[in-house]
Amino acid sequence: MKKAKVYSLCEAVADIAYIAAKENYRTNNSREIISQFIEWAKEFEYLHKHIEWGINSPLDYIESIDYFTLYKINQWRNV
């Protein structure tokens, strides 16, 4: 994996964790939630692989990851 892709994935994981903390999203298993955030970040990166932020998307990165994370939290919160 190229350095830029690794950085982008790490940035997405960090942003997802930050947003989830603001939303008080928790599970009983810290390893499980970290694994979940990594999977969400991979999914976000895959869904946006052709996006050049500020060029070919009406949303910016922060809005997109915020909406994505809130969607995932709502999807998983009551499971």
Protein backbone atom coordinates (compact mmCIF):
# COMPACT_ATOMS: atom_id res chain seq x y z
CA MET A 1 0.00 0.00 0.00
CA LYS A 2 1.34 3.42 -0.92
CA LYS A 3 2.20 5.92 1.79
CA ALA A 4 -0.60 8.31 0.71
CA LYS A 5 -3.19 5.53 0.91
CA VAL A 6 -1.99 4.48 4.36
CA TYR A 7 -2.20 8.08 5.55
CA SER A 8 -5.68 8.49 4.06
CA LEU A 9 -6.92 5.31 5.75
CA CYS A 10 -5.42 6.35 9.10
CA GLU A 11 -6.99 9.80 8.77
CA ALA A 12 -10.39 8.20 8.09
CA VAL A 13 -10.07 5.91 11.14
CA ALA A 14 -9.15 8.88 13.33
CA ASP A 15 -12.03 10.99 12.01
CA ILE A 16 -14.52 8.15 12.46
CA ALA A 17 -13.34 7.57 16.04
CA TYR A 18 -13.60 11.30 16.79
CA ILE A 19 -17.13 11.56 15.38
CA ALA A 20 -18.22 8.37 17.17
CA ALA A 21 -16.90 9.73 20.48
CA LYS A 22 -18.85 12.97 19.98
CA GLU A 23 -21.96 10.85 19.39
CA ASN A 24 -21.28 8.72 22.50
CA TYR A 25 -21.16 5.58 20.35
CA ARG A 26 -19.79 2.68 22.37
CA THR A 27 -19.62 -1.08 22.53
CA ASN A 28 -18.62 -3.30 25.45
CA ASN A 29 -15.48 -4.45 23.68
CA SER A 30 -12.82 -1.88 22.82
CA ARG A 31 -11.07 -4.23 20.35
CA GLU A 32 -14.38 -4.79 18.59
CA ILE A 33 -15.08 -1.08 18.18
CA ILE A 34 -11.58 -0.37 16.88
CA SER A 35 -11.95 -3.18 14.35
CA GLN A 36 -15.33 -1.77 13.37
CA PHE A 37 -13.86 1.71 12.83
CA ILE A 38 -11.09 0.27 10.65
CA GLU A 39 -13.67 -1.58 8.53
CA TRP A 40 -15.78 1.57 8.24
CA ALA A 41 -12.70 3.54 7.16
CA LYS A 42 -11.89 0.92 4.51
CA GLU A 43 -15.48 1.12 3.26
CA PHE A 44 -15.38 4.93 3.20
CA GLU A 45 -12.11 4.89 1.27
CA TYR A 46 -13.50 2.35 -1.21
CA LEU A 47 -16.72 4.31 -1.78
CA HIS A 48 -14.75 7.50 -2.38
CA LYS A 49 -11.78 6.09 -4.31
CA HIS A 50 -12.52 8.21 -7.38
CA ILE A 51 -13.27 11.41 -5.48
CA GLU A 52 -10.91 14.33 -5.66
CA TRP A 53 -12.09 16.48 -2.77
CA GLY A 54 -12.93 20.00 -3.89
CA ILE A 55 -12.78 19.01 -7.55
CA ASN A 56 -15.38 16.39 -8.49
CA SER A 57 -17.59 16.25 -5.41
CA PRO A 58 -20.21 18.72 -4.18
CA LEU A 59 -19.31 17.78 -0.59
CA ASP A 60 -15.99 18.21 1.09
CA TYR A 61 -14.14 15.45 2.93
CA ILE A 62 -15.26 16.49 6.43
CA GLU A 63 -18.95 16.63 5.45
CA SER A 64 -18.69 13.28 3.69
CA ILE A 65 -17.00 11.40 6.51
CA ASP A 66 -19.35 12.99 9.02
CA TYR A 67 -22.46 11.88 7.09
CA PHE A 68 -20.96 8.43 6.48
CA THR A 69 -20.08 7.93 10.15
CA LEU A 70 -23.46 9.11 11.40
CA TYR A 71 -25.12 6.69 8.97
CA LYS A 72 -22.95 3.79 10.21
CA ILE A 73 -23.58 4.68 13.86
CA ASN A 74 -27.34 4.74 13.27
CA GLN A 75 -27.08 1.45 11.43
CA TRP A 76 -25.13 -0.27 14.23
CA ARG A 77 -26.29 1.48 17.40
CA ASN A 78 -29.23 -0.83 18.10
CA VAL A 79 -27.72 -4.09 16.84
